[in-house]
Amino acid sequence: MSQTDRQPSSLRRDNIFAPASLICGILAWTLLPLLAAPAAMLAGHIAYAKSKRLGVGGRGMALAGMVLGYSGLAAAAMLIGVLLALPEGKSLFPQEAAEQPAQAAEPQPKPRAAKPAKPVAVGEKPLPPVIPPQAEAILAAQHAVAERLAAGESLDEINEGFPLNEEGRRYWQNIEARQGTVIITPKPDARGFARQIMLLSAQENGRLTWSCVGELEKSVEQTVCR
């Protein structure tokens, strides 16, 4: 009597790796190619070896599981290689590739134009026909403040120094804006004193008005305080 014949009948039939290999081989071609394919190959080899050594059944299922496992793993590797080799923007599915140009051709919404800032006018009082030379630099500073207000800034945001030309330096040491108020520093007098003059700005019904605090010549005050 051979060694195989001496094995118990339950041992001959007990080759659970064979159906496991077949099931994993089927899964390798359906749901889990990268996980089920190695499992099918491993279980198939164990079942095939057990079938030869112990004479149990399941050799056919083991062979089928190994074939499905090896072929499924090879197919998955080829598919991954093809996907990695595709140029950017290309697709394996023609329907998706046809939808991409259509999506790219959709008109983009136009950006809304910024709402223009409401212009701020200077006081209603018109300028005199003759402007004193001392007032020209002050008027330039007032005009700069009005322009920044028209651009949408508030009076508190307007802090700026104004350069003086040669004519302006004859009368003024410095002209600047602090929170919308124009501050004028005249040339020092004989005693070395220079009292600052302030032009307080205010918005009334969308118009910019100026109030003078300090001593100015009458003609200059009538020109810049309005």
Protein backbone atom coordinates (compact mmCIF):
# COMPACT_ATOMS: atom_id res chain seq x y z
CA MET A 1 0.00 0.00 0.00
CA SER A 2 1.39 3.41 -0.97
CA GLN A 3 1.88 6.30 1.43
CA THR A 4 -0.91 8.21 -0.28
CA ASP A 5 -3.35 5.38 0.25
CA ARG A 6 -2.52 5.31 3.94
CA GLN A 7 -3.64 8.99 4.41
CA PRO A 8 -7.07 9.47 5.99
CA SER A 9 -9.87 10.28 3.56
CA SER A 10 -10.61 13.61 5.35
CA LEU A 11 -7.02 14.74 4.74
CA ARG A 12 -7.33 13.97 1.03
CA ARG A 13 -10.34 16.21 0.71
CA ASP A 14 -9.00 18.98 2.98
CA ASN A 15 -7.31 21.34 0.48
CA ILE A 16 -8.92 24.68 1.37
CA PHE A 17 -6.19 26.64 -0.44
CA ALA A 18 -7.51 25.44 -3.82
CA PRO A 19 -10.93 27.18 -3.68
CA ALA A 20 -9.31 30.14 -1.95
CA SER A 21 -6.90 30.48 -4.86
CA LEU A 22 -9.74 30.33 -7.38
CA ILE A 23 -11.81 32.94 -5.52
CA CYS A 24 -8.83 35.29 -5.22
CA GLY A 25 -8.08 34.77 -8.92
CA ILE A 26 -11.61 35.86 -9.83
CA LEU A 27 -11.31 38.89 -7.54
CA ALA A 28 -8.00 39.75 -9.23
CA TRP A 29 -9.95 40.37 -12.45
CA THR A 30 -12.84 42.22 -10.82
CA LEU A 31 -12.52 44.17 -7.59
CA LEU A 32 -9.05 43.87 -6.05
CA PRO A 33 -6.42 43.20 -8.73
CA LEU A 34 -3.37 44.35 -6.77
CA LEU A 35 -4.38 42.56 -3.55
CA ALA A 36 -6.20 39.47 -4.78
CA ALA A 37 -3.72 38.52 -7.52
CA PRO A 38 -0.75 37.84 -5.18
CA ALA A 39 -3.10 36.00 -2.80
CA ALA A 40 -4.36 33.80 -5.66
CA MET A 41 -0.81 33.02 -6.74
CA LEU A 42 0.33 32.12 -3.21
CA ALA A 43 -2.74 30.04 -2.37
CA GLY A 44 -2.53 28.28 -5.75
CA HIS A 45 1.08 27.24 -5.23
CA ILE A 46 0.33 25.93 -1.73
CA ALA A 47 -2.75 24.03 -2.94
CA TYR A 48 -0.91 22.55 -5.94
CA ALA A 49 2.02 21.40 -3.78
CA LYS A 50 -0.34 19.94 -1.19
CA SER A 51 -2.25 18.11 -3.90
CA LYS A 52 0.95 16.52 -5.26
CA ARG A 53 2.42 15.67 -1.85
CA LEU A 54 -0.68 14.40 -0.06
CA GLY A 55 -2.83 13.36 -2.97
CA VAL A 56 -5.73 15.60 -2.00
CA GLY A 57 -8.01 17.13 -4.60
CA GLY A 58 -8.18 20.70 -5.86
CA ARG A 59 -5.30 20.61 -8.32
CA GLY A 60 -7.48 22.01 -11.12
CA MET A 61 -8.78 24.88 -8.97
CA ALA A 62 -5.23 25.64 -7.84
CA LEU A 63 -4.01 25.84 -11.44
CA ALA A 64 -6.96 28.04 -12.43
CA GLY A 65 -6.36 30.34 -9.46
CA MET A 66 -2.66 30.68 -10.30
CA VAL A 67 -3.41 31.47 -13.96
CA LEU A 68 -5.99 34.09 -12.99
CA GLY A 69 -3.65 35.58 -10.38
CA TYR A 70 -0.62 35.87 -12.67
CA SER A 71 -2.64 37.19 -15.60
CA GLY A 72 -4.61 39.63 -13.40
CA LEU A 73 -1.43 41.03 -11.88
CA ALA A 74 0.14 41.42 -15.33
CA ALA A 75 -2.98 43.17 -16.67
CA ALA A 76 -3.08 45.56 -13.69
CA ALA A 77 0.61 46.40 -14.13
CA MET A 78 0.09 47.09 -17.85
CA LEU A 79 -2.91 49.33 -17.14
CA ILE A 80 -0.95 51.34 -14.56
CA GLY A 81 1.93 51.72 -17.03
CA VAL A 82 -0.42 52.98 -19.76
CA LEU A 83 -2.03 55.49 -17.39
CA LEU A 84 1.36 56.82 -16.30
CA ALA A 85 2.51 57.12 -19.92
CA LEU A 86 -0.54 59.14 -21.02
CA PRO A 87 0.15 62.84 -21.74
CA GLU A 88 -1.39 65.32 -19.35
CA GLY A 89 -5.00 66.09 -20.23
CA LYS A 90 -5.53 62.85 -22.21
CA SER A 91 -8.04 60.22 -21.15
CA LEU A 92 -8.60 56.54 -21.94
CA PHE A 93 -12.32 57.19 -22.21
CA PRO A 94 -13.43 59.13 -25.35
CA GLN A 95 -16.52 60.56 -23.66
CA GLU A 96 -14.47 62.24 -20.93
CA ALA A 97 -11.97 63.52 -23.51
CA ALA A 98 -14.83 65.04 -25.53
CA GLU A 99 -16.27 66.75 -22.45
CA GLN A 100 -12.99 68.46 -21.53
CA PRO A 101 -12.88 70.88 -24.54
CA ALA A 102 -16.55 71.68 -23.99
CA GLN A 103 -15.84 72.61 -20.39
CA ALA A 104 -12.84 74.69 -21.43
CA ALA A 105 -14.96 76.53 -24.00
CA GLU A 106 -17.52 77.68 -21.45
CA PRO A 107 -17.47 81.47 -21.25
CA GLN A 108 -15.98 82.77 -18.07
CA PRO A 109 -18.01 85.38 -16.19
CA LYS A 110 -16.73 88.85 -16.81
CA PRO A 111 -15.35 90.60 -13.75
CA ARG A 112 -17.53 93.40 -12.54
CA ALA A 113 -16.12 96.81 -13.13
CA ALA A 114 -15.22 98.70 -10.01
CA LYS A 115 -17.80 101.27 -9.09
CA PRO A 116 -16.31 104.70 -9.69
CA ALA A 117 -15.83 106.74 -6.57
CA LYS A 118 -18.16 109.65 -6.14
CA PRO A 119 -16.30 112.85 -6.98
CA VAL A 120 -15.83 115.32 -4.18
CA ALA A 121 -16.14 118.92 -5.18
CA VAL A 122 -14.37 121.80 -3.52
CA GLY A 123 -16.43 124.44 -1.78
CA GLU A 124 -19.10 126.34 -3.64
CA LYS A 125 -17.32 129.65 -3.32
CA PRO A 126 -15.46 130.32 -6.60
CA LEU A 127 -11.83 131.31 -6.71
CA PRO A 128 -11.07 135.02 -7.00
CA PRO A 129 -10.00 136.27 -10.43
CA VAL A 130 -6.50 137.03 -9.16
CA ILE A 131 -4.79 134.34 -7.07
CA PRO A 132 -2.06 135.59 -4.72
CA PRO A 133 1.28 133.80 -5.25
CA GLN A 134 1.30 132.75 -1.58
CA ALA A 135 -1.93 130.79 -2.16
CA GLU A 136 -0.75 128.67 -5.10
CA ALA A 137 1.08 126.06 -3.00
CA ILE A 138 -1.86 125.86 -0.57
CA LEU A 139 -4.34 125.40 -3.42
CA ALA A 140 -2.17 122.59 -4.80
CA ALA A 141 -2.29 120.82 -1.42
CA GLN A 142 -6.08 121.25 -1.22
CA HIS A 143 -6.43 119.86 -4.73
CA ALA A 144 -4.35 116.79 -3.79
CA VAL A 145 -6.57 116.11 -0.77
CA ALA A 146 -9.70 116.45 -2.94
CA GLU A 147 -8.29 113.99 -5.50
CA ARG A 148 -7.61 111.36 -2.84
CA LEU A 149 -11.12 111.79 -1.47
CA ALA A 150 -12.51 111.32 -4.98
CA ALA A 151 -10.46 108.10 -5.25
CA GLY A 152 -12.38 106.65 -2.31
CA GLU A 153 -10.11 107.44 0.65
CA SER A 154 -11.43 108.96 3.85
CA LEU A 155 -10.07 112.14 5.40
CA ASP A 156 -8.47 110.16 8.24
CA GLU A 157 -6.39 108.21 5.70
CA ILE A 158 -4.89 111.25 4.00
CA ASN A 159 -1.42 111.91 5.42
CA GLU A 160 0.98 113.40 2.92
CA GLY A 161 3.74 115.96 2.58
CA PHE A 162 3.70 118.32 -0.40
CA PRO A 163 6.88 119.45 -2.15
CA LEU A 164 7.28 123.19 -2.57
CA ASN A 165 8.61 124.85 -5.69
CA GLU A 166 10.87 127.85 -5.60
CA GLU A 167 7.94 130.27 -5.43
CA GLY A 168 6.31 128.36 -2.58
CA ARG A 169 9.54 128.25 -0.57
CA ARG A 170 9.60 132.05 -0.56
CA TYR A 171 6.55 132.09 1.73
CA TRP A 172 6.25 128.70 3.39
CA GLN A 173 8.61 126.42 5.23
CA ASN A 174 6.43 123.31 4.96
CA ILE A 175 2.95 122.23 3.81
CA GLU A 176 1.54 118.82 4.70
CA ALA A 177 -1.74 117.00 5.26
CA ARG A 178 -2.55 115.14 8.46
CA GLN A 179 -5.83 113.24 8.50
CA GLY A 180 -7.14 115.51 5.77
CA THR A 181 -6.18 118.75 7.53
CA VAL A 182 -3.67 120.90 5.64
CA ILE A 183 -1.02 122.25 8.03
CA ILE A 184 1.06 125.19 6.84
CA THR A 185 4.31 126.27 8.46
CA PRO A 186 5.30 129.78 7.34
CA LYS A 187 8.84 131.11 7.12
CA PRO A 188 10.15 132.25 10.54
CA ASP A 189 9.79 135.93 11.32
CA ALA A 190 12.59 138.20 12.54
CA ARG A 191 12.36 136.71 16.01
CA GLY A 192 12.55 133.16 14.66
CA PHE A 193 8.91 132.33 15.35
CA ALA A 194 6.70 130.46 12.88
CA ARG A 195 3.11 129.84 13.94
CA GLN A 196 1.44 127.04 12.08
CA ILE A 197 -1.79 127.61 10.17
CA MET A 198 -4.37 124.87 9.79
CA LEU A 199 -6.97 124.44 7.07
CA LEU A 200 -9.64 122.16 8.54
CA SER A 201 -11.40 120.05 5.90
CA ALA A 202 -14.98 118.86 6.10
CA GLN A 203 -17.45 117.13 3.79
CA GLU A 204 -20.88 118.69 3.53
CA ASN A 205 -23.41 117.17 1.13
CA GLY A 206 -20.65 115.64 -0.99
CA ARG A 207 -18.63 118.87 -1.14
CA LEU A 208 -15.28 119.61 0.47
CA THR A 209 -15.04 122.81 2.48
CA TRP A 210 -12.10 124.45 4.26
CA SER A 211 -11.97 126.48 7.46
CA CYS A 212 -8.85 128.45 8.39
CA VAL A 213 -7.33 128.46 11.86
CA GLY A 214 -4.45 130.90 12.17
CA GLU A 215 -3.30 134.18 10.69
CA LEU A 216 -3.25 134.55 6.91
CA GLU A 217 -3.22 137.58 4.71
CA LYS A 218 -6.71 138.66 3.78
CA SER A 219 -6.32 137.87 0.08
CA VAL A 220 -4.84 134.42 0.82
CA GLU A 221 -7.57 133.62 3.35
CA GLN A 222 -10.31 134.56 0.89
CA THR A 223 -8.71 132.27 -1.69
CA VAL A 224 -8.05 129.10 0.33
CA CYS A 225 -10.76 129.24 3.02
CA ARG A 226 -14.00 128.46 1.21
